[in-house]
C-alpha atoms as a PDB file:
ATOM      1  CA  MET A   1     155.903 -77.680 143.707  1.00  0.00           C
ATOM      2  CA  THR A   2     155.740 -81.396 144.306  1.00  0.00           C
ATOM      3  CA  THR A   3     155.329 -83.134 147.324  1.00  0.00           C
ATOM      4  CA  HIS A   4     157.309 -85.947 147.779  1.00  0.00           C
ATOM      5  CA  PRO A   5     155.656 -89.305 149.464  1.00  0.00           C
ATOM      6  CA  GLU A   6     158.093 -89.521 152.174  1.00  0.00           C
ATOM      7  CA  THR A   7     156.913 -86.383 153.758  1.00  0.00           C
ATOM      8  CA  ILE A   8     153.268 -87.200 153.447  1.00  0.00           C
ATOM      9  CA  HIS A   9     154.054 -90.355 155.098  1.00  0.00           C
ATOM     10  CA  GLU A  10     155.877 -88.513 157.938  1.00  0.00           C
ATOM     11  CA  ASP A  11     153.461 -86.124 158.599  1.00  0.00           C
ATOM     12  CA  HIS A  12     150.927 -88.618 158.647  1.00  0.00           C
ATOM     13  CA  GLN A  13     153.334 -90.870 161.391  1.00  0.00           C
ATOM     14  CA  GLU A  14     153.512 -87.249 162.796  1.00  0.00           C
ATOM     15  CA  GLN A  15     149.379 -87.143 163.071  1.00  0.00           C
ATOM     16  CA  HIS A  16     149.055 -90.524 164.357  1.00  0.00           C
ATOM     17  CA  VAL A  17     151.385 -90.185 166.679  1.00  0.00           C
ATOM     18  CA  GLY A  18     149.744 -87.136 168.088  1.00  0.00           C
ATOM     19  CA  ALA A  19     146.496 -88.404 168.095  1.00  0.00           C
ATOM     20  CA  LEU A  20     148.121 -91.690 170.048  1.00  0.00           C
ATOM     21  CA  VAL A  21     149.827 -89.685 172.740  1.00  0.00           C
ATOM     22  CA  ALA A  22     146.445 -87.405 172.953  1.00  0.00           C
ATOM     23  CA  GLN A  23     144.407 -90.825 173.811  1.00  0.00           C
ATOM     24  CA  LEU A  24     146.878 -92.074 176.079  1.00  0.00           C
ATOM     25  CA  SER A  25     146.747 -88.736 178.283  1.00  0.00           C
ATOM     26  CA  ASN A  26     142.937 -89.470 178.133  1.00  0.00           C
ATOM     27  CA  ASP A  27     143.336 -92.740 179.153  1.00  0.00           C
ATOM     28  CA  VAL A  28     145.536 -92.099 181.972  1.00  0.00           C
ATOM     29  CA  SER A  29     143.032 -88.890 183.096  1.00  0.00           C
ATOM     30  CA  ARG A  30     140.317 -91.435 183.464  1.00  0.00           C
ATOM     31  CA  LEU A  31     142.368 -94.358 184.537  1.00  0.00           C
ATOM     32  CA  VAL A  32     143.177 -92.087 187.647  1.00  0.00           C
ATOM     33  CA  ARG A  33     139.889 -90.397 187.988  1.00  0.00           C
ATOM     34  CA  ASP A  34     138.381 -93.873 187.706  1.00  0.00           C
ATOM     35  CA  GLU A  35     141.079 -95.340 190.894  1.00  0.00           C
ATOM     36  CA  LEU A  36     140.242 -92.539 192.463  1.00  0.00           C
ATOM     37  CA  GLN A  37     136.351 -93.146 192.398  1.00  0.00           C
ATOM     38  CA  LEU A  38     137.147 -96.893 193.120  1.00  0.00           C
ATOM     39  CA  ALA A  39     139.327 -95.515 196.595  1.00  0.00           C
ATOM     40  CA  LYS A  40     136.439 -93.518 197.564  1.00  0.00           C
ATOM     41  CA  ALA A  41     133.961 -96.590 197.612  1.00  0.00           C
ATOM     42  CA  GLU A  42     136.557 -98.855 199.308  1.00  0.00           C
ATOM     43  CA  LEU A  43     137.206 -96.190 201.909  1.00  0.00           C
ATOM     44  CA  LYS A  44     133.493 -95.565 202.179  1.00  0.00           C
ATOM     45  CA  ASP A  45     132.761 -99.367 202.737  1.00  0.00           C
ATOM     46  CA  LYS A  46     136.031 -99.770 205.076  1.00  0.00           C
ATOM     47  CA  GLY A  47     134.736 -96.962 206.994  1.00  0.00           C
ATOM     48  CA  LYS A  48     131.129 -98.264 207.431  1.00  0.00           C
ATOM     49  CA  GLU A  49     132.709-101.990 208.371  1.00  0.00           C
ATOM     50  CA  ALA A  50     134.785 -99.830 211.460  1.00  0.00           C
ATOM     51  CA  GLY A  51     131.915 -98.166 212.472  1.00  0.00           C
ATOM     52  CA  ILE A  52     129.895-101.659 213.239  1.00  0.00           C
ATOM     53  CA  GLY A  53     133.211-103.170 214.604  1.00  0.00           C
ATOM     54  CA  ILE A  54     133.309 -99.549 216.973  1.00  0.00           C
ATOM     55  CA  GLY A  55     129.997-100.231 217.882  1.00  0.00           C
ATOM     56  CA  LEU A  56     129.941-103.861 218.818  1.00  0.00           C
ATOM     57  CA  PHE A  57     133.298-102.867 220.633  1.00  0.00           C
ATOM     58  CA  GLY A  58     130.986-100.792 222.754  1.00  0.00           C
ATOM     59  CA  GLY A  59     128.250-102.953 223.448  1.00  0.00           C
ATOM     60  CA  ALA A  60     130.600-105.609 224.730  1.00  0.00           C
ATOM     61  CA  GLY A  61     132.101-103.205 226.893  1.00  0.00           C
ATOM     62  CA  THR A  62     128.600-102.097 228.456  1.00  0.00           C
ATOM     63  CA  VAL A  63     127.361-106.076 228.928  1.00  0.00           C
ATOM     64  CA  ALA A  64     131.344-106.669 230.217  1.00  0.00           C
ATOM     65  CA  VAL A  65     130.619-104.293 232.890  1.00  0.00           C
ATOM     66  CA  TYR A  66     126.717-105.967 233.474  1.00  0.00           C
ATOM     67  CA  GLY A  67     128.976-108.993 233.645  1.00  0.00           C
ATOM     68  CA  VAL A  68     131.394-107.852 236.397  1.00  0.00           C
ATOM     69  CA  GLY A  69     128.138-105.768 238.429  1.00  0.00           C
ATOM     70  CA  ALA A  70     126.576-109.533 238.279  1.00  0.00           C
ATOM     71  CA  LEU A  71     130.207-111.151 240.137  1.00  0.00           C
ATOM     72  CA  VAL A  72     130.018-108.713 242.687  1.00  0.00           C
ATOM     73  CA  ALA A  73     126.143-109.765 243.223  1.00  0.00           C
ATOM     74  CA  ALA A  74     127.294-113.145 243.187  1.00  0.00           C
ATOM     75  CA  ALA A  75     130.208-112.304 245.760  1.00  0.00           C
ATOM     76  CA  ILE A  76     127.859-110.733 247.998  1.00  0.00           C
ATOM     77  CA  LEU A  77     125.177-113.468 247.833  1.00  0.00           C
ATOM     78  CA  GLY A  78     128.015-116.332 248.493  1.00  0.00           C
ATOM     79  CA  LEU A  79     129.626-114.680 251.086  1.00  0.00           C
ATOM     80  CA  ALA A  80     126.415-113.689 252.475  1.00  0.00           C
ATOM     81  CA  ALA A  81     125.413-117.442 253.712  1.00  0.00           C
ATOM     82  CA  ALA A  82     128.698-116.617 256.174  1.00  0.00           C
ATOM     83  CA  VAL A  83     127.524-113.326 257.067  1.00  0.00           C
ATOM     84  CA  PRO A  84     124.470-111.252 257.355  1.00  0.00           C
ATOM     85  CA  ALA A  85     124.006-109.867 253.986  1.00  0.00           C
ATOM     86  CA  TRP A  86     124.870-105.780 254.901  1.00  0.00           C
ATOM     87  CA  LEU A  87     128.409-107.057 255.978  1.00  0.00           C
ATOM     88  CA  SER A  88     128.958-109.061 253.122  1.00  0.00           C
ATOM     89  CA  ALA A  89     128.092-106.237 250.822  1.00  0.00           C
ATOM     90  CA  LEU A  90     130.330-103.852 253.124  1.00  0.00           C
ATOM     91  CA  ILE A  91     133.127-106.455 252.843  1.00  0.00           C
ATOM     92  CA  VAL A  92     132.897-106.761 249.192  1.00  0.00           C
ATOM     93  CA  ALA A  93     132.590-102.979 248.574  1.00  0.00           C
ATOM     94  CA  LEU A  94     135.315-102.263 250.785  1.00  0.00           C
ATOM     95  CA  VAL A  95     137.727-104.483 249.019  1.00  0.00           C
ATOM     96  CA  LEU A  96     136.296-103.372 245.641  1.00  0.00           C
ATOM     97  CA  PHE A  97     137.659 -99.843 246.821  1.00  0.00           C
ATOM     98  CA  ALA A  98     140.865-101.143 248.060  1.00  0.00           C
ATOM     99  CA  ILE A  99     141.619-102.324 244.488  1.00  0.00           C
ATOM    100  CA  ALA A 100     140.379 -99.061 243.090  1.00  0.00           C
ATOM    101  CA  GLY A 101     142.796 -97.298 245.603  1.00  0.00           C
ATOM    102  CA  GLY A 102     145.994 -99.293 244.708  1.00  0.00           C
ATOM    103  CA  ALA A 103     145.160 -98.845 240.638  1.00  0.00           C
ATOM    104  CA  ALA A 104     144.773 -95.021 241.599  1.00  0.00           C
ATOM    105  CA  LEU A 105     148.523 -94.936 243.431  1.00  0.00           C
ATOM    106  CA  LEU A 106     149.732 -96.869 240.458  1.00  0.00           C
ATOM    107  CA  GLY A 107     147.911 -94.264 237.693  1.00  0.00           C
ATOM    108  CA  LYS A 108     149.110 -91.298 239.846  1.00  0.00           C
ATOM    109  CA  ARG A 109     152.907 -92.773 240.121  1.00  0.00           C
ATOM    110  CA  HIS A 110     152.982 -93.327 236.532  1.00  0.00           C
ATOM    111  CA  VAL A 111     151.583 -89.547 235.664  1.00  0.00           C
ATOM    112  CA  SER A 112     154.126 -88.216 237.833  1.00  0.00           C
ATOM    113  CA  HIS A 113     156.743 -90.235 236.324  1.00  0.00           C
ATOM    114  CA  ALA A 114     155.587 -88.617 232.805  1.00  0.00           C
ATOM    115  CA  THR A 115     155.715 -85.189 234.118  1.00  0.00           C
ATOM    116  CA  PRO A 116     156.735 -82.102 233.171  1.00  0.00           C
ATOM    117  CA  PRO A 117     155.655 -82.991 229.074  1.00  0.00           C
ATOM    118  CA  MET A 118     159.197 -81.647 228.554  1.00  0.00           C
ATOM    119  CA  PRO A 119     162.035 -84.327 226.978  1.00  0.00           C
ATOM    120  CA  GLU A 120     164.193 -83.090 230.393  1.00  0.00           C
ATOM    121  CA  HIS A 121     167.533 -84.736 228.907  1.00  0.00           C
ATOM    122  CA  ALA A 122     167.063 -83.640 225.716  1.00  0.00           C
ATOM    123  CA  VAL A 123     166.838 -79.957 226.709  1.00  0.00           C
ATOM    124  CA  GLU A 124     169.501 -80.533 229.297  1.00  0.00           C
ATOM    125  CA  GLY A 125     171.965 -81.955 226.099  1.00  0.00           C
ATOM    126  CA  VAL A 126     170.999 -78.869 224.101  1.00  0.00           C
ATOM    127  CA  HIS A 127     172.057 -76.461 227.365  1.00  0.00           C
ATOM    128  CA  GLU A 128     175.525 -78.488 227.412  1.00  0.00           C
ATOM    129  CA  ASP A 129     176.264 -78.050 224.054  1.00  0.00           C
ATOM    130  CA  LEU A 130     175.375 -74.785 223.786  1.00  0.00           C
ATOM    131  CA  GLU A 131     177.664 -73.985 226.546  1.00  0.00           C
ATOM    132  CA  ALA A 132     180.201 -75.904 224.850  1.00  0.00           C
ATOM    133  CA  LEU A 133     179.792 -73.535 221.652  1.00  0.00           C
ATOM    134  CA  LYS A 134     180.277 -70.551 223.957  1.00  0.00           C
ATOM    135  CA  GLY A 135     183.496 -72.297 225.429  1.00  0.00           C
ATOM    136  CA  HIS A 136     182.433 -73.070 228.534  1.00  0.00           C
ATOM    137  CA  GLN A 137     182.738 -76.160 229.729  1.00  0.00           C
ATOM    138  CA  PRO A 138     179.998 -77.791 231.892  1.00  0.00           C
ATOM    139  CA  GLU A 139     180.449 -78.952 235.320  1.00  0.00           C
ATOM    140  CA  GLY A 140     181.432 -82.588 235.665  1.00  0.00           C
ATOM    141  CA  LYS A 141     182.489 -82.793 232.267  1.00  0.00           C
ATOM    142  CA  VAL A 142     185.537 -83.745 230.878  1.00  0.00           C
ATOM    143  CA  SER A 143     186.540 -83.036 227.077  1.00  0.00           C
ATOM    144  CA  ALA A 144     188.233 -85.436 225.191  1.00  0.00           C
END
């Protein structure tokens, strides 16, 4: 049996193509693993940065609270030049309580508008759709 040079060449090409496909598969797998490792490292670094930023925001908020306290003390001391110190502290406290009460009333109004936490208009629309499917006409609605 004689082997033709063309057949040997084709077999060699198939082996070469097979090796290239295997190499491509290995390279793609390695590339994906490397990209995942890079993504993990990047997320870790970003997480550290976010943690530092959140900590700094917390620290800034704490310092701001102390600043507000200092402003309240300054208001009391400034008012104490005109009235007794106890009266100036009482006046500033009453003003602060009035501001807090106003904010609480506004907050209550917003919360009451948000309750119940059910989409009333959407539920009403579903009920109307169900009635229409049953063949009933909702009150006050005109069919087209």
